[in-house]
Amino acid sequence: MEPGSCALELLGVFFSLCACLCSLLSTMMTRWLTLSTELLPTESFELGLWMTCVVQELGVTECRPYDSLLGLPPDIRLARIMMCTSVAAGLSALVFAIPGINLVNSCKNRADSIEAKRTLKIFGGILSLSSGVLGIVPVSYVAHLTVLRFFDESVPSVVPRWEFGDALFLGWTAGCLQVVAGLLLITSCFFLQDKTRGLGESIHMDRVNGTRSPRNRTENVFPDVRLHFWVPVGQKHQAAEHQQNRRKEAHNNPRPDRLAERS
């Protein structure tokens, strides 16, 4: 196997694994949006997909989970659903991609192994791309609404506004890593396909040109004394028996010209 294809596979799996961890952390974190006010400088508020938290200056954090999914704002509800789907797609991509790398021996037949590994990597790459898109969309949507609300002129400047939290940046990182991982896995599949296609064409040209292995050449010319030592033992016995039978037939049924010479 070419080292370039192996490197692409390993990088794709590594980026997909890192992206799954980042996506999972981003989904569970409470710092999607943060808010701090001048009226209460000792406290800050954090908004996540599962709960809201109040962080005091002394380090004490009090969190309260949401009561109902249907009672959530539309952007938070959409982000929760899509982030969970992104995590599931990323884990499924790893399940398909890891058996598809060439360092994992999963098939005995080499031809079947190459086709099966290519199929697994393609599925893993597609799922990884889907996971990246599903992770980038909700994060970008929440960030877009946050920017619109922050620069809303209809709201007085005294009213505090939500700002970006660490989870948004982690979500963007996870989505980008998933997209890169999917592209690397699919690229390694096309690279492997070109190599196997070139190998198949060379074998076909060898057959067309009539090139044969040394064993086939010796089996076709085994009556030659110079190459007789290449013949297997079973064929040697068959050739000896065949020569003995021909001698017996020649002795029992002599040709007419030899009978004329004897007479």
Protein backbone atom coordinates (compact mmCIF):
# COMPACT_ATOMS: atom_id res chain seq x y z
CA MET A 1 0.00 0.00 0.00
CA GLU A 2 1.20 3.47 -0.86
CA PRO A 3 2.34 5.55 2.13
CA GLY A 4 0.38 8.55 0.82
CA SER A 5 -2.92 6.68 1.01
CA CYS A 6 -2.12 5.39 4.51
CA ALA A 7 -1.25 8.89 5.67
CA LEU A 8 -4.53 10.29 4.35
CA GLU A 9 -6.50 7.53 6.08
CA LEU A 10 -4.79 8.02 9.42
CA LEU A 11 -5.18 11.79 9.27
CA GLY A 12 -8.85 11.42 8.38
CA VAL A 13 -9.53 9.09 11.30
CA PHE A 14 -7.52 11.29 13.69
CA PHE A 15 -9.34 14.47 12.67
CA SER A 16 -12.70 12.70 12.87
CA LEU A 17 -11.93 11.48 16.39
CA CYS A 18 -10.86 14.96 17.52
CA ALA A 19 -13.95 16.45 15.91
CA CYS A 20 -16.23 14.00 17.72
CA LEU A 21 -14.70 14.96 21.06
CA CYS A 22 -15.00 18.68 20.32
CA SER A 23 -18.56 18.31 19.11
CA LEU A 24 -19.54 16.33 22.21
CA LEU A 25 -17.95 18.91 24.50
CA SER A 26 -19.63 21.75 22.64
CA THR A 27 -23.02 20.06 22.97
CA MET A 28 -22.66 19.50 26.71
CA MET A 29 -21.15 22.88 27.60
CA THR A 30 -23.25 25.66 29.08
CA ARG A 31 -21.22 28.53 27.59
CA TRP A 32 -22.99 28.89 24.27
CA LEU A 33 -23.91 32.46 25.16
CA THR A 34 -22.67 34.62 28.02
CA LEU A 35 -24.10 37.76 29.58
CA SER A 36 -22.69 40.13 32.16
CA THR A 37 -24.29 43.32 33.46
CA GLU A 38 -22.94 46.44 35.06
CA LEU A 39 -25.71 46.34 37.63
CA LEU A 40 -24.47 43.01 38.95
CA PRO A 41 -20.72 42.88 38.26
CA THR A 42 -20.25 39.96 40.63
CA GLU A 43 -22.48 37.65 38.58
CA SER A 44 -22.57 36.48 34.98
CA PHE A 45 -25.06 34.33 33.13
CA GLU A 46 -24.41 31.43 30.82
CA LEU A 47 -26.82 29.92 28.32
CA GLY A 48 -26.41 26.36 27.02
CA LEU A 49 -28.42 23.80 25.11
CA TRP A 50 -29.52 21.95 28.24
CA MET A 51 -29.51 24.48 31.08
CA THR A 52 -28.82 28.06 32.15
CA CYS A 53 -26.26 28.90 34.80
CA VAL A 54 -25.41 31.78 37.08
CA VAL A 55 -21.72 32.15 37.88
CA GLN A 56 -20.79 34.24 40.89
CA GLU A 57 -17.53 36.02 41.45
CA LEU A 58 -16.46 33.60 44.17
CA GLY A 59 -16.64 30.69 41.70
CA VAL A 60 -20.01 29.31 42.79
CA THR A 61 -22.12 28.14 39.86
CA GLU A 62 -25.84 27.46 40.02
CA CYS A 63 -27.48 25.79 37.02
CA ARG A 64 -31.10 25.12 36.19
CA PRO A 65 -32.14 22.73 33.41
CA TYR A 66 -34.87 23.59 30.96
CA ASP A 67 -38.34 22.44 31.87
CA SER A 68 -39.54 21.41 28.40
CA LEU A 69 -38.12 21.01 24.92
CA LEU A 70 -41.13 22.65 23.32
CA GLY A 71 -40.79 25.67 25.58
CA LEU A 72 -37.29 26.48 24.38
CA PRO A 73 -36.48 29.30 21.96
CA PRO A 74 -36.44 28.09 18.33
CA ASP A 75 -32.70 28.60 17.88
CA ILE A 76 -31.80 26.63 21.02
CA ARG A 77 -34.23 23.84 20.15
CA LEU A 78 -32.85 23.58 16.61
CA ALA A 79 -29.27 23.67 17.85
CA ARG A 80 -29.90 20.89 20.35
CA ILE A 81 -31.44 18.60 17.74
CA MET A 82 -28.79 19.22 15.10
CA MET A 83 -25.86 18.95 17.49
CA CYS A 84 -27.08 15.59 18.77
CA THR A 85 -27.47 14.43 15.18
CA SER A 86 -23.97 15.69 14.39
CA VAL A 87 -22.46 13.73 17.28
CA ALA A 88 -24.28 10.55 16.20
CA ALA A 89 -23.14 10.98 12.59
CA GLY A 90 -19.55 11.57 13.69
CA LEU A 91 -19.48 8.42 15.80
CA SER A 92 -21.01 6.44 12.92
CA ALA A 93 -18.30 7.82 10.63
CA LEU A 94 -15.64 6.45 12.98
CA VAL A 95 -17.38 3.07 13.09
CA PHE A 96 -17.18 2.85 9.29
CA ALA A 97 -13.78 4.49 8.81
CA ILE A 98 -11.69 2.58 11.35
CA PRO A 99 -12.27 -0.90 9.79
CA GLY A 100 -11.68 0.67 6.38
CA ILE A 101 -8.09 1.74 6.96
CA ASN A 102 -5.41 -0.55 5.57
CA LEU A 103 -3.74 -1.11 8.95
CA VAL A 104 -6.80 -3.11 10.05
CA ASN A 105 -6.97 -6.59 8.50
CA SER A 106 -10.65 -7.45 8.15
CA CYS A 107 -10.77 -9.65 5.01
CA LYS A 108 -8.74 -12.66 3.91
CA ASN A 109 -9.08 -12.14 0.16
CA ARG A 110 -7.04 -9.16 -1.01
CA ALA A 111 -9.38 -8.14 -3.85
CA ASP A 112 -12.45 -8.33 -1.63
CA SER A 113 -10.58 -6.51 1.13
CA ILE A 114 -9.70 -3.58 -1.14
CA GLU A 115 -13.28 -3.19 -2.35
CA ALA A 116 -14.74 -3.54 1.14
CA LYS A 117 -12.29 -1.07 2.67
CA ARG A 118 -12.95 1.44 -0.10
CA THR A 119 -16.70 1.17 0.52
CA LEU A 120 -16.30 1.58 4.27
CA LYS A 121 -14.09 4.64 3.86
CA ILE A 122 -16.52 6.24 1.41
CA PHE A 123 -19.39 5.76 3.87
CA GLY A 124 -17.22 7.08 6.68
CA GLY A 125 -16.23 10.14 4.64
CA ILE A 126 -19.83 10.91 3.69
CA LEU A 127 -20.97 10.60 7.30
CA SER A 128 -18.08 12.78 8.43
CA LEU A 129 -19.01 15.49 5.93
CA SER A 130 -22.63 15.27 7.03
CA SER A 131 -21.58 15.55 10.68
CA GLY A 132 -19.49 18.64 9.91
CA VAL A 133 -22.34 20.36 8.10
CA LEU A 134 -24.80 19.45 10.85
CA GLY A 135 -22.43 20.92 13.43
CA ILE A 136 -21.59 24.13 11.59
CA VAL A 137 -25.19 25.07 10.74
CA PRO A 138 -26.64 25.39 14.28
CA VAL A 139 -23.54 27.12 15.64
CA SER A 140 -23.56 29.64 12.81
CA TYR A 141 -27.31 30.17 13.16
CA VAL A 142 -27.06 30.91 16.88
CA ALA A 143 -24.10 33.22 16.24
CA HIS A 144 -26.03 35.03 13.49
CA LEU A 145 -29.03 35.65 15.74
CA THR A 146 -26.72 36.79 18.54
CA VAL A 147 -25.09 39.36 16.25
CA LEU A 148 -28.46 40.67 15.08
CA ARG A 149 -29.70 41.02 18.64
CA PHE A 150 -26.47 42.63 19.81
CA PHE A 151 -26.63 45.40 17.18
CA ASP A 152 -30.40 45.85 17.37
CA GLU A 153 -30.96 49.59 17.55
CA SER A 154 -34.51 49.22 18.79
CA VAL A 155 -33.20 47.88 22.12
CA PRO A 156 -31.87 50.52 24.55
CA SER A 157 -28.13 50.49 25.08
CA VAL A 158 -28.64 50.04 28.83
CA VAL A 159 -30.14 46.56 28.31
CA PRO A 160 -27.45 43.85 28.55
CA ARG A 161 -26.87 41.70 25.50
CA TRP A 162 -25.77 38.12 25.00
CA GLU A 163 -22.30 37.50 23.59
CA PHE A 164 -20.45 34.54 22.10
CA GLY A 165 -19.41 31.76 24.46
CA ASP A 166 -16.62 29.22 24.23
CA ALA A 167 -18.96 26.49 23.02
CA LEU A 168 -19.59 28.32 19.73
CA PHE A 169 -15.91 28.40 18.84
CA LEU A 170 -15.52 24.77 19.86
CA GLY A 171 -18.48 23.87 17.66
CA TRP A 172 -16.97 25.66 14.67
CA THR A 173 -13.71 23.81 15.25
CA ALA A 174 -15.50 20.47 15.40
CA GLY A 175 -17.43 21.13 12.20
CA CYS A 176 -14.32 22.17 10.27
CA LEU A 177 -12.40 19.13 11.50
CA GLN A 178 -15.22 16.83 10.42
CA VAL A 179 -15.29 18.35 6.94
CA VAL A 180 -11.52 17.98 6.58
CA ALA A 181 -11.70 14.38 7.86
CA GLY A 182 -14.39 13.50 5.33
CA LEU A 183 -12.42 15.00 2.46
CA LEU A 184 -9.29 13.11 3.50
CA LEU A 185 -11.11 9.78 3.69
CA ILE A 186 -12.79 10.21 0.31
CA THR A 187 -9.52 11.39 -1.27
CA SER A 188 -7.74 8.29 -0.01
CA CYS A 189 -10.44 6.16 -1.66
CA PHE A 190 -9.91 7.82 -5.05
CA PHE A 191 -6.13 7.52 -4.65
CA LEU A 192 -6.48 3.80 -3.96
CA GLN A 193 -8.85 3.38 -6.90
CA ASP A 194 -6.32 4.91 -9.32
CA LYS A 195 -3.57 2.63 -8.04
CA THR A 196 -5.66 -0.54 -8.33
CA ARG A 197 -6.89 0.49 -11.78
CA GLY A 198 -3.31 0.95 -12.99
CA LEU A 199 -2.38 -2.44 -11.58
CA GLY A 200 -5.31 -4.10 -13.36
CA GLU A 201 -4.40 -2.46 -16.67
CA SER A 202 -0.78 -3.63 -16.41
CA ILE A 203 -1.90 -7.20 -15.74
CA HIS A 204 -4.26 -7.04 -18.70
CA MET A 205 -1.50 -5.77 -21.01
CA ASP A 206 0.78 -8.57 -19.84
CA ARG A 207 -1.85 -11.12 -20.77
CA VAL A 208 -2.42 -9.52 -24.14
CA ASN A 209 1.32 -9.48 -24.91
CA GLY A 210 1.52 -13.16 -24.06
CA THR A 211 3.86 -12.92 -21.11
CA ARG A 212 3.67 -15.93 -18.86
CA SER A 213 5.23 -17.04 -15.65
CA PRO A 214 8.30 -19.32 -15.70
CA ARG A 215 6.20 -22.18 -14.46
CA ASN A 216 3.73 -21.92 -17.35
CA ARG A 217 6.58 -21.71 -19.84
CA THR A 218 8.24 -24.84 -18.47
CA GLU A 219 4.98 -26.75 -18.41
CA ASN A 220 4.35 -26.00 -22.08
CA VAL A 221 7.85 -27.11 -23.16
CA PHE A 222 8.38 -29.99 -20.75
CA PRO A 223 9.39 -32.50 -23.52
CA ASP A 224 12.58 -30.45 -23.98
CA VAL A 225 15.48 -32.17 -22.22
CA ARG A 226 17.11 -28.88 -21.21
CA LEU A 227 14.06 -27.76 -19.25
CA HIS A 228 13.03 -31.17 -18.04
CA PHE A 229 14.15 -30.44 -14.48
CA TRP A 230 11.47 -27.73 -14.27
CA VAL A 231 8.65 -30.28 -14.72
CA PRO A 232 6.87 -31.42 -11.52
CA VAL A 233 7.40 -34.98 -10.35
CA GLY A 234 3.87 -36.13 -11.26
CA GLN A 235 4.22 -34.91 -14.84
CA LYS A 236 7.60 -36.64 -15.14
CA HIS A 237 6.01 -39.99 -14.27
CA GLN A 238 3.17 -39.36 -16.72
CA ALA A 239 5.64 -38.51 -19.50
CA ALA A 240 7.69 -41.65 -18.80
CA GLU A 241 4.60 -43.88 -18.88
CA HIS A 242 3.46 -42.22 -22.11
CA GLN A 243 6.84 -42.93 -23.77
CA GLN A 244 6.76 -46.57 -22.63
CA ASN A 245 3.26 -47.01 -24.04
CA ARG A 246 4.36 -45.56 -27.37
CA ARG A 247 7.33 -47.94 -27.53
CA LYS A 248 5.09 -50.95 -26.83
CA GLU A 249 2.66 -49.88 -29.55
CA ALA A 250 5.51 -49.39 -32.01
CA HIS A 251 6.89 -52.85 -31.16
CA ASN A 252 3.54 -54.62 -31.48
CA ASN A 253 2.38 -52.71 -34.58
CA PRO A 254 5.44 -51.99 -36.72
CA ARG A 255 5.11 -49.61 -39.67
CA PRO A 256 4.93 -51.12 -43.23
CA ASP A 257 8.22 -49.51 -44.31
CA ARG A 258 10.06 -51.21 -41.46
CA LEU A 259 8.47 -54.58 -42.35
CA ALA A 260 9.67 -54.14 -45.92
CA GLU A 261 13.20 -53.45 -44.73
CA ARG A 262 13.20 -56.58 -42.55
CA SER A 263 11.97 -58.77 -45.42
